[in-house]
Amino acid sequence: MSVYVLLIPVLLPIVGGAVFGFCKIRTRALREGIVSAIVLLTSLCIAAILITQPQGEATVLTLAGSLYVKFRLDGAACVFAGLVAVLWPLASLYAFEYMETEGDCNTFFAWYTMTYGVTVGIAFAGNLMTMYMFYEMLTLVTIPLMMHGHSYKSTLATRKYVRYSIGGAAFAFIGFVAIAVFGETLDFRMGGVLGNVGRHTTMLLIVYGMTVLGFGVKAAICPFHGWLPTASVAPTPVTALLHAVAVVKAGAFAIIRVTYYSFGTDFLRGTWVQNTVMMFAVVTMVYGAVKAVKEQDCKRRLAYSTVSNLSYIIFAASLMSAEGMTAAMTHMLFHGLMKITLFYCIGAVMVKTGKRYVWEMDGMGRRMPLVFAVYTVAGLSLIGIPPMVGFISKWYIGTAAAAEGTVFSYIGLAALILSALLSAAYILEVVVRAWMPGKDSRPDDTAAVAVGFRMRIPLLILVLLVLVCGVCSTPIVTFLSEVAGGLR
């Protein structure tokens, strides 16, 4: 298979979504059929690519000098692209039912589909130039999604998202320029591309810190996390996309790329900037979890949970060891499964009942048993109850931190444990209210509320993945270990 096949899952959703947006599709069935066809073909193409593993580079454009737009498949690309390919068809199916009561669905699904292609472009990027280009495009294509409905709150949230994203991109651009000047190539190479930097060591360490914080805006690292809880005003298919699949994982993925494939751990390990990044992650872990406990809006509570959990990934990556990279990618995968499931459960409650606050969840387990059964399983997994996926990823983060054996890694390990305890508080409060309302609770209604098959199918598949990937995690972690070891 030619390596240029990598272009298909990038261009198909972008071009298909753009063409779809200009067409006046008047029937729901036709709209859903076209979107489903584009998304499924894209995911099937990614599956074929991951199975056949085409070798080489696909250079498609020369911008100036050594600036090339190129695509390449390596182990890290397989991880991110695989996650996106599994979750996007489920996200689209869920969105079909959720968006039934919303207007301007043609425009919404056009941008939703285009975002798929842009995210795959980040995954398959063969160099820092290409990843940065698609990273910027991701901001642009998600703006209309956040503004859907054009309410006052969504407009304010979008403005905040744009300000944060543009500022973060500016910081990341500094790192891009530094690698272009001091690196042997802009291509991603395990171990990094910096040669003899001589007297520029201190400056490059500062630049690395700025680059991590720049990409860390989308990964919601504190104090640049403020856009993420605000974005919860968008429709749930959008917030799930932002918080579990595309945007936040693109930020975490970019940090892994620049750490292990551009600057290199040999250059960074043991320096003050490693400890600084680690402390940013530790503070964010605890801060996000504390805010989640205090938050009473269910979607915003999950958003703060995402803030906390994303820093698990950044902390593991900042350990700058093969074990740390393995743990980071493990949590990147498994957190995506857990968090999109939780968001979809709360989204189903909101769209079917209009309830969104924690105190309104009293007795909802009896009204929506399937939804809250799924929420309970995914929530217990996020807490870290074995043998589900949340336990697996936290176990590998903890063991990687303990193996590092430094003061900062032990502080991170303590923060991980504290965050897990806090996650039990903010998850179990909803679970207990749903299944065991107190004597003084007065639910507004006791009638059962059904969700359609387009919501049921994604929820059932996702909760099954949460369970199966936990029990059968060994092949997944083995593959990720080979990626971290440079064997893939």
Protein backbone atom coordinates (compact mmCIF):
# COMPACT_ATOMS: atom_id res chain seq x y z
CA MET A 1 0.00 0.00 0.00
CA SER A 2 1.35 3.43 -0.97
CA VAL A 3 2.16 5.78 1.88
CA TYR A 4 0.04 8.42 0.14
CA VAL A 5 -3.01 6.53 1.38
CA LEU A 6 -2.46 8.54 4.59
CA LEU A 7 -3.98 11.50 2.78
CA ILE A 8 -7.36 9.82 2.35
CA PRO A 9 -8.59 9.90 5.98
CA VAL A 10 -7.33 13.49 6.24
CA LEU A 11 -8.90 14.87 3.07
CA LEU A 12 -12.08 12.75 2.89
CA PRO A 13 -13.80 14.29 5.96
CA ILE A 14 -12.44 17.79 5.30
CA VAL A 15 -13.53 17.91 1.66
CA GLY A 16 -16.66 15.84 2.29
CA GLY A 17 -17.71 18.03 5.21
CA ALA A 18 -17.07 21.23 3.24
CA VAL A 19 -19.12 20.05 0.26
CA PHE A 20 -21.86 18.82 2.59
CA GLY A 21 -22.01 22.24 4.22
CA PHE A 22 -22.78 23.95 0.91
CA CYS A 23 -25.55 21.50 0.04
CA LYS A 24 -29.08 22.18 1.22
CA ILE A 25 -29.99 18.81 2.69
CA ARG A 26 -33.65 19.01 3.63
CA THR A 27 -34.30 15.55 5.08
CA ARG A 28 -32.84 14.19 8.29
CA ALA A 29 -32.38 10.68 6.87
CA LEU A 30 -30.31 11.92 3.93
CA ARG A 31 -28.18 14.15 6.16
CA GLU A 32 -27.46 11.34 8.59
CA GLY A 33 -26.75 8.92 5.75
CA ILE A 34 -24.19 11.19 4.11
CA VAL A 35 -22.43 12.03 7.38
CA SER A 36 -22.40 8.37 8.43
CA ALA A 37 -20.91 7.34 5.07
CA ILE A 38 -18.09 9.89 5.29
CA VAL A 39 -17.27 9.08 8.91
CA LEU A 40 -17.42 5.29 8.51
CA LEU A 41 -15.32 5.34 5.32
CA THR A 42 -12.73 7.47 7.12
CA SER A 43 -12.58 5.11 10.10
CA LEU A 44 -12.37 2.05 7.85
CA CYS A 45 -9.54 3.69 5.92
CA ILE A 46 -7.68 4.37 9.17
CA ALA A 47 -8.24 0.75 10.21
CA ALA A 48 -6.77 -0.46 6.90
CA ILE A 49 -3.78 1.84 7.35
CA LEU A 50 -3.12 0.62 10.89
CA ILE A 51 -3.28 -3.00 9.72
CA THR A 52 -1.10 -2.63 6.61
CA GLN A 53 1.37 -0.13 8.17
CA PRO A 54 2.52 1.71 4.99
CA GLN A 55 6.17 2.75 5.26
CA GLY A 56 7.86 5.95 4.17
CA GLU A 57 6.81 9.59 4.03
CA ALA A 58 4.16 11.32 1.94
CA THR A 59 5.41 14.83 1.19
CA VAL A 60 2.55 16.75 -0.37
CA LEU A 61 3.60 20.39 -0.24
CA THR A 62 6.75 22.52 0.05
CA LEU A 63 6.03 25.86 1.67
CA ALA A 64 9.47 27.47 1.92
CA GLY A 65 12.99 26.13 2.27
CA SER A 66 12.86 23.15 4.61
CA LEU A 67 9.19 23.61 5.50
CA TYR A 68 7.34 20.59 4.18
CA VAL A 69 3.82 19.33 4.73
CA LYS A 70 4.32 15.61 5.10
CA PHE A 71 2.59 12.62 6.62
CA ARG A 72 4.09 9.51 8.14
CA LEU A 73 2.82 6.57 10.17
CA ASP A 74 4.66 5.65 13.34
CA GLY A 75 3.65 4.15 16.66
CA ALA A 76 2.48 7.39 18.25
CA ALA A 77 0.39 8.20 15.18
CA CYS A 78 -1.24 4.76 15.41
CA VAL A 79 -2.26 5.41 19.02
CA PHE A 80 -3.93 8.78 18.43
CA ALA A 81 -5.46 7.88 15.07
CA GLY A 82 -6.80 4.60 16.47
CA LEU A 83 -8.51 6.40 19.35
CA VAL A 84 -10.10 8.93 17.00
CA ALA A 85 -11.19 6.27 14.49
CA VAL A 86 -13.02 4.28 17.18
CA LEU A 87 -14.75 7.19 18.89
CA TRP A 88 -15.80 9.40 15.99
CA PRO A 89 -18.44 7.12 14.44
CA LEU A 90 -19.97 6.63 17.90
CA ALA A 91 -19.87 10.38 18.49
CA SER A 92 -21.62 11.06 15.20
CA LEU A 93 -24.34 8.50 15.88
CA TYR A 94 -24.97 9.98 19.32
CA ALA A 95 -25.07 13.49 17.85
CA PHE A 96 -27.81 12.51 15.39
CA GLU A 97 -30.29 11.99 18.21
CA TYR A 98 -29.00 14.77 20.45
CA MET A 99 -29.23 17.40 17.71
CA GLU A 100 -32.82 16.57 16.72
CA THR A 101 -34.11 19.52 18.72
CA GLU A 102 -31.39 21.89 17.53
CA GLY A 103 -31.46 24.07 14.44
CA ASP A 104 -29.03 24.44 11.53
CA CYS A 105 -27.93 20.80 11.71
CA ASN A 106 -26.43 20.86 8.20
CA THR A 107 -23.84 23.44 9.23
CA PHE A 108 -23.20 21.68 12.53
CA PHE A 109 -22.46 18.30 10.96
CA ALA A 110 -20.39 19.88 8.20
CA TRP A 111 -17.96 21.34 10.74
CA TYR A 112 -18.23 18.25 12.96
CA THR A 113 -17.11 16.07 10.06
CA MET A 114 -14.33 18.43 8.98
CA THR A 115 -12.95 18.35 12.52
CA TYR A 116 -12.46 14.60 12.11
CA GLY A 117 -10.11 15.10 9.16
CA VAL A 118 -8.15 17.87 10.89
CA THR A 119 -7.66 15.69 13.98
CA VAL A 120 -6.39 12.82 11.82
CA GLY A 121 -4.01 15.32 10.20
CA ILE A 122 -2.48 15.97 13.63
CA ALA A 123 -2.15 12.23 14.24
CA PHE A 124 -0.49 11.45 10.89
CA ALA A 125 1.72 14.56 10.79
CA GLY A 126 5.25 13.55 9.87
CA ASN A 127 6.95 16.67 11.16
CA LEU A 128 6.47 19.60 13.49
CA MET A 129 5.48 21.90 10.62
CA THR A 130 2.53 19.70 9.62
CA MET A 131 1.39 19.08 13.19
CA TYR A 132 1.46 22.80 13.98
CA MET A 133 -0.48 23.64 10.82
CA PHE A 134 -3.27 21.18 11.60
CA TYR A 135 -3.18 22.18 15.27
CA GLU A 136 -4.04 25.74 14.22
CA MET A 137 -6.71 24.45 11.85
CA LEU A 138 -8.29 22.55 14.74
CA THR A 139 -8.96 25.84 16.51
CA LEU A 140 -10.60 27.29 13.40
CA VAL A 141 -12.90 24.35 12.63
CA THR A 142 -14.11 24.01 16.23
CA ILE A 143 -15.09 27.68 16.57
CA PRO A 144 -18.41 27.25 14.67
CA LEU A 145 -19.19 24.16 16.76
CA MET A 146 -18.79 26.05 20.02
CA MET A 147 -20.88 28.93 18.67
CA HIS A 148 -23.71 26.68 17.52
CA GLY A 149 -26.97 28.30 18.50
CA HIS A 150 -25.31 31.73 18.72
CA SER A 151 -26.50 32.33 22.26
CA TYR A 152 -24.90 35.01 24.41
CA LYS A 153 -23.16 32.40 26.59
CA SER A 154 -21.84 30.39 23.65
CA THR A 155 -20.49 33.57 22.05
CA LEU A 156 -18.63 34.52 25.23
CA ALA A 157 -17.30 30.96 25.60
CA THR A 158 -16.08 30.96 22.00
CA ARG A 159 -14.30 34.28 22.41
CA LYS A 160 -12.56 32.93 25.49
CA TYR A 161 -11.59 29.74 23.64
CA VAL A 162 -10.16 31.75 20.74
CA ARG A 163 -8.12 34.03 23.01
CA TYR A 164 -6.65 31.11 24.91
CA SER A 165 -5.98 29.07 21.77
CA ILE A 166 -4.30 31.88 19.84
CA GLY A 167 -2.13 32.74 22.84
CA GLY A 168 -1.15 29.09 23.27
CA ALA A 169 -0.38 28.74 19.57
CA ALA A 170 1.93 31.75 19.78
CA PHE A 171 3.90 30.11 22.58
CA ALA A 172 4.04 26.82 20.66
CA PHE A 173 5.24 28.67 17.56
CA ILE A 174 8.35 29.75 19.47
CA GLY A 175 9.22 26.09 19.96
CA PHE A 176 8.54 25.39 16.30
CA VAL A 177 11.01 28.13 15.29
CA ALA A 178 13.61 26.89 17.78
CA ILE A 179 13.49 23.35 16.40
CA ALA A 180 13.68 24.73 12.85
CA VAL A 181 16.82 26.69 13.76
CA PHE A 182 18.65 24.36 16.14
CA GLY A 183 17.28 20.96 15.13
CA GLU A 184 18.76 18.72 12.50
CA THR A 185 15.29 18.34 10.97
CA LEU A 186 11.67 19.20 11.65
CA ASP A 187 10.75 15.53 11.25
CA PHE A 188 9.68 13.61 14.31
CA ARG A 189 12.44 11.29 15.48
CA MET A 190 12.35 9.27 18.67
CA GLY A 191 15.03 10.70 20.95
CA GLY A 192 14.80 14.21 19.54
CA VAL A 193 16.44 16.13 16.73
CA LEU A 194 18.63 18.64 18.58
CA GLY A 195 22.31 18.46 17.79
CA ASN A 196 25.08 20.36 19.54
CA VAL A 197 23.31 23.40 20.98
CA GLY A 198 26.39 24.81 22.68
CA ARG A 199 25.74 28.00 24.65
CA HIS A 200 22.06 27.99 23.71
CA THR A 201 21.11 25.28 26.21
CA THR A 202 19.44 27.58 28.75
CA MET A 203 17.51 29.41 26.06
CA LEU A 204 16.24 26.14 24.55
CA LEU A 205 15.15 24.88 27.96
CA ILE A 206 13.10 28.05 28.42
CA VAL A 207 11.68 27.62 24.92
CA TYR A 208 10.70 24.01 25.70
CA GLY A 209 8.83 25.18 28.79
CA MET A 210 7.01 27.82 26.74
CA THR A 211 6.18 25.23 24.07
CA VAL A 212 4.68 22.82 26.60
CA LEU A 213 2.59 25.61 28.10
CA GLY A 214 1.53 26.66 24.60
CA PHE A 215 0.32 23.22 23.61
CA GLY A 216 -0.85 22.83 27.20
CA VAL A 217 -3.58 25.41 26.60
CA LYS A 218 -5.60 22.85 24.66
CA ALA A 219 -4.60 20.26 27.26
CA ALA A 220 -6.06 22.64 29.89
CA ILE A 221 -2.99 22.91 32.06
CA CYS A 222 -3.43 25.36 34.95
CA PRO A 223 -3.55 28.40 34.75
CA PHE A 224 -4.56 28.14 31.06
CA HIS A 225 -7.53 25.86 31.68
CA GLY A 226 -10.29 28.46 31.98
CA TRP A 227 -11.72 27.97 28.49
CA LEU A 228 -12.57 24.31 29.08
CA PRO A 229 -15.27 24.56 31.80
CA THR A 230 -16.72 27.58 29.98
CA ALA A 231 -17.03 25.49 26.81
CA SER A 232 -19.61 23.30 28.55
CA VAL A 233 -22.33 25.66 27.29
CA ALA A 234 -21.94 24.06 23.84
CA PRO A 235 -24.07 21.03 22.84
CA THR A 236 -22.90 17.81 24.50
CA PRO A 237 -21.58 16.26 21.23
CA VAL A 238 -19.29 19.30 21.01
CA THR A 239 -18.18 19.28 24.64
CA ALA A 240 -17.49 15.55 24.45
CA LEU A 241 -15.49 16.22 21.28
CA LEU A 242 -13.53 18.98 23.03
CA HIS A 243 -13.05 17.21 26.37
CA ALA A 244 -12.44 13.60 25.37
CA VAL A 245 -11.37 13.14 21.75
CA ALA A 246 -10.09 15.90 19.52
CA VAL A 247 -9.01 19.16 21.12
CA VAL A 248 -7.68 18.22 24.55
CA LYS A 249 -6.08 15.01 23.32
CA ALA A 250 -4.46 16.96 20.48
CA GLY A 251 -2.82 19.15 23.11
CA ALA A 252 -1.59 16.17 25.13
CA PHE A 253 -0.43 14.39 21.97
CA ALA A 254 1.50 17.48 20.86
CA ILE A 255 3.28 17.65 24.23
CA ILE A 256 4.31 14.00 23.89
CA ARG A 257 5.56 14.70 20.35
CA VAL A 258 7.72 17.72 21.19
CA THR A 259 9.08 16.08 24.36
CA TYR A 260 10.08 12.70 22.96
CA TYR A 261 10.37 13.35 19.22
CA SER A 262 11.64 16.95 18.87
CA PHE A 263 13.54 18.26 21.91
CA GLY A 264 14.38 14.77 23.19
CA THR A 265 14.55 13.41 26.71
CA ASP A 266 18.36 13.23 26.71
CA PHE A 267 18.42 17.01 26.46
CA LEU A 268 15.59 17.63 28.94
CA ARG A 269 15.91 14.93 31.56
CA GLY A 270 17.21 16.11 34.94
CA THR A 271 16.89 19.80 34.13
CA TRP A 272 14.93 22.47 35.99
CA VAL A 273 12.40 22.67 33.17
CA GLN A 274 11.47 19.00 33.62
CA ASN A 275 10.67 19.65 37.27
CA THR A 276 8.80 22.85 36.39
CA VAL A 277 6.54 21.10 33.88
CA MET A 278 5.99 18.33 36.39
CA MET A 279 4.87 20.82 39.03
CA PHE A 280 2.47 22.53 36.61
CA ALA A 281 0.92 19.11 36.04
CA VAL A 282 0.78 18.27 39.76
CA VAL A 283 -0.94 21.53 40.65
CA THR A 284 -3.45 21.06 37.85
CA MET A 285 -4.23 17.49 38.95
CA VAL A 286 -5.28 18.59 42.41
CA TYR A 287 -6.83 21.92 41.42
CA GLY A 288 -9.07 20.36 38.76
CA ALA A 289 -10.25 17.65 41.14
CA VAL A 290 -11.02 20.14 43.93
CA LYS A 291 -12.99 22.34 41.54
CA ALA A 292 -14.90 19.29 40.31
CA VAL A 293 -15.97 18.42 43.87
CA LYS A 294 -17.30 21.95 44.41
CA GLU A 295 -19.04 22.29 41.01
CA GLN A 296 -22.78 21.54 40.94
CA ASP A 297 -23.35 21.75 37.18
CA CYS A 298 -22.79 18.16 35.98
CA LYS A 299 -21.18 19.10 32.67
CA ARG A 300 -18.85 21.63 34.29
CA ARG A 301 -18.01 19.06 36.98
CA LEU A 302 -16.91 16.65 34.25
CA ALA A 303 -15.01 19.49 32.57
CA TYR A 304 -12.97 20.12 35.72
CA SER A 305 -12.44 16.38 35.97
CA THR A 306 -10.98 16.54 32.46
CA VAL A 307 -8.67 19.36 33.55
CA SER A 308 -7.37 17.11 36.32
CA ASN A 309 -7.06 13.95 34.24
CA LEU A 310 -5.28 15.60 31.33
CA SER A 311 -2.51 16.54 33.72
CA TYR A 312 -2.08 12.85 34.54
CA ILE A 313 -0.94 12.53 30.93
CA ILE A 314 1.34 15.57 31.12
CA PHE A 315 2.81 14.42 34.43
CA ALA A 316 3.55 10.95 33.06
CA ALA A 317 5.10 12.43 29.91
CA SER A 318 7.24 14.78 32.01
CA LEU A 319 8.86 11.79 33.71
CA MET A 320 10.78 11.52 30.40
CA SER A 321 11.26 7.79 30.56
CA ALA A 322 9.96 4.93 28.46
CA GLU A 323 7.71 3.95 31.35
CA GLY A 324 6.41 7.51 31.62
CA MET A 325 5.62 7.72 27.91
CA THR A 326 3.85 4.36 28.06
CA ALA A 327 1.77 5.55 31.01
CA ALA A 328 0.97 8.85 29.29
CA MET A 329 -0.32 7.17 26.13
CA THR A 330 -2.23 4.58 28.17
CA HIS A 331 -4.14 7.28 30.02
CA MET A 332 -4.63 9.26 26.81
CA LEU A 333 -6.43 6.27 25.32
CA PHE A 334 -8.37 5.12 28.35
CA HIS A 335 -9.38 8.56 29.59
CA GLY A 336 -10.88 9.21 26.16
CA LEU A 337 -13.12 6.15 26.53
CA MET A 338 -14.20 6.96 30.07
CA LYS A 339 -14.81 10.66 29.69
CA ILE A 340 -16.76 10.57 26.44
CA THR A 341 -19.01 7.94 28.06
CA LEU A 342 -19.66 10.12 31.10
CA PHE A 343 -20.40 13.17 28.99
CA TYR A 344 -22.81 11.24 26.83
CA CYS A 345 -24.69 9.99 29.89
CA ILE A 346 -25.11 13.50 31.28
CA GLY A 347 -25.97 14.78 27.80
CA ALA A 348 -28.74 12.18 27.51
CA VAL A 349 -30.17 13.31 30.84
CA MET A 350 -30.06 16.97 29.81
CA VAL A 351 -31.65 16.54 26.40
CA LYS A 352 -34.37 14.15 27.61
CA THR A 353 -35.27 15.72 30.97
CA GLY A 354 -33.76 19.22 30.98
CA LYS A 355 -31.94 18.50 34.25
CA ARG A 356 -28.24 19.30 34.58
CA TYR A 357 -27.41 19.98 38.25
CA VAL A 358 -26.15 17.47 40.79
CA TRP A 359 -29.11 17.92 43.15
CA GLU A 360 -31.48 17.22 40.26
CA MET A 361 -30.04 13.71 39.82
CA ASP A 362 -32.01 12.35 42.80
CA GLY A 363 -33.81 9.21 41.69
CA MET A 364 -32.73 9.52 38.06
CA GLY A 365 -31.29 6.02 38.12
CA ARG A 366 -34.84 4.65 38.32
CA ARG A 367 -36.03 6.88 35.49
CA MET A 368 -33.08 6.25 33.17
CA PRO A 369 -31.61 2.94 34.37
CA LEU A 370 -29.50 2.21 31.29
CA VAL A 371 -27.94 5.66 31.21
CA PHE A 372 -27.04 5.64 34.88
CA ALA A 373 -25.83 2.05 34.82
CA VAL A 374 -23.39 3.10 32.11
CA TYR A 375 -22.52 6.26 34.08
CA THR A 376 -21.83 4.18 37.18
CA VAL A 377 -19.47 1.80 35.39
CA ALA A 378 -17.59 4.60 33.61
CA GLY A 379 -17.47 6.62 36.82
CA LEU A 380 -16.04 3.74 38.86
CA SER A 381 -13.46 3.28 36.12
CA LEU A 382 -12.49 6.95 36.27
CA ILE A 383 -12.01 6.65 40.03
CA GLY A 384 -9.64 3.76 39.39
CA ILE A 385 -11.55 0.68 40.52
CA PRO A 386 -9.93 -2.53 39.17
CA PRO A 387 -10.08 -4.17 36.72
CA MET A 388 -11.42 -1.32 34.58
CA VAL A 389 -9.34 0.93 32.35
CA GLY A 390 -9.03 3.80 34.83
CA PHE A 391 -7.20 1.56 37.26
CA ILE A 392 -4.87 0.28 34.55
CA SER A 393 -3.70 3.70 33.38
CA LYS A 394 -3.34 5.09 36.92
CA TRP A 395 -1.38 2.00 37.91
CA TYR A 396 1.13 2.57 35.13
CA ILE A 397 1.42 6.27 35.94
CA GLY A 398 2.03 5.46 39.59
CA THR A 399 4.61 2.76 38.90
CA ALA A 400 6.43 5.02 36.40
CA ALA A 401 6.56 7.81 39.00
CA ALA A 402 7.81 5.43 41.70
CA ALA A 403 10.45 4.03 39.35
CA GLU A 404 11.73 7.55 38.69
CA GLY A 405 12.46 7.90 42.39
CA THR A 406 12.88 11.70 42.57
CA VAL A 407 11.32 14.12 45.01
CA PHE A 408 9.18 15.62 42.26
CA SER A 409 7.98 12.25 41.01
CA TYR A 410 6.96 11.27 44.55
CA ILE A 411 5.07 14.56 44.91
CA GLY A 412 3.29 13.72 41.67
CA LEU A 413 2.46 10.25 42.97
CA ALA A 414 0.93 11.76 46.10
CA ALA A 415 -1.07 14.19 43.95
CA LEU A 416 -2.28 11.27 41.84
CA ILE A 417 -3.59 9.47 44.93
CA LEU A 418 -5.23 12.62 46.29
CA SER A 419 -6.85 13.32 42.93
CA ALA A 420 -8.20 9.77 42.79
CA LEU A 421 -9.79 10.22 46.23
CA LEU A 422 -11.37 13.49 45.14
CA SER A 423 -12.63 11.88 41.94
CA ALA A 424 -14.41 9.30 44.10
CA ALA A 425 -16.18 12.19 45.85
CA TYR A 426 -17.41 13.98 42.73
CA ILE A 427 -18.37 10.81 40.83
CA LEU A 428 -20.02 8.89 43.66
CA GLU A 429 -22.15 11.85 44.73
CA VAL A 430 -24.01 11.68 41.41
CA VAL A 431 -24.16 7.87 41.48
CA VAL A 432 -25.56 7.74 45.02
CA ARG A 433 -28.12 10.45 44.32
CA ALA A 434 -29.25 8.68 41.16
CA TRP A 435 -29.72 5.24 42.70
CA MET A 436 -30.36 6.01 46.39
CA PRO A 437 -32.16 9.33 46.79
CA GLY A 438 -32.59 10.42 50.36
CA LYS A 439 -35.89 10.37 52.26
CA ASP A 440 -36.19 14.13 51.95
CA SER A 441 -35.70 14.16 48.19
CA ARG A 442 -38.70 15.03 46.06
CA PRO A 443 -38.09 14.08 42.44
CA ASP A 444 -40.23 16.15 40.08
CA ASP A 445 -41.33 13.07 38.19
CA THR A 446 -41.00 9.32 38.56
CA ALA A 447 -41.89 8.38 34.99
CA ALA A 448 -39.30 6.42 33.02
CA VAL A 449 -37.41 8.30 30.33
CA ALA A 450 -36.23 6.35 27.28
CA VAL A 451 -33.33 7.20 25.01
CA GLY A 452 -33.36 6.28 21.34
CA PHE A 453 -31.20 3.62 19.77
CA ARG A 454 -28.80 6.26 18.39
CA MET A 455 -27.87 7.10 21.97
CA ARG A 456 -28.16 3.57 23.36
CA ILE A 457 -25.77 1.99 20.86
CA PRO A 458 -22.82 4.36 21.54
CA LEU A 459 -23.35 4.11 25.30
CA LEU A 460 -23.41 0.30 25.25
CA ILE A 461 -20.37 0.02 22.99
CA LEU A 462 -18.40 2.53 25.04
CA VAL A 463 -19.13 0.88 28.38
CA LEU A 464 -18.21 -2.48 26.85
CA LEU A 465 -14.89 -1.01 25.71
CA VAL A 466 -14.27 0.34 29.22
CA LEU A 467 -14.74 -3.15 30.64
CA VAL A 468 -13.01 -5.19 27.93
CA CYS A 469 -9.98 -2.91 27.58
CA GLY A 470 -9.47 -3.13 31.33
CA VAL A 471 -9.58 -6.91 31.47
CA CYS A 472 -7.62 -7.33 28.22
CA SER A 473 -5.23 -4.41 28.61
CA THR A 474 -1.99 -6.40 28.26
CA PRO A 475 -1.79 -6.37 24.43
CA ILE A 476 -2.58 -2.65 24.38
CA VAL A 477 0.03 -1.74 26.97
CA THR A 478 2.59 -4.03 25.29
CA PHE A 479 2.08 -2.15 22.02
CA LEU A 480 2.39 1.20 23.80
CA SER A 481 5.59 0.02 25.50
CA GLU A 482 7.05 -0.83 22.09
CA VAL A 483 6.10 2.64 20.84
CA ALA A 484 7.78 4.26 23.86
CA GLY A 485 10.84 2.08 23.32
CA GLY A 486 11.18 3.26 19.73
CA LEU A 487 10.36 -0.16 18.31
CA ARG A 488 7.33 1.10 16.37
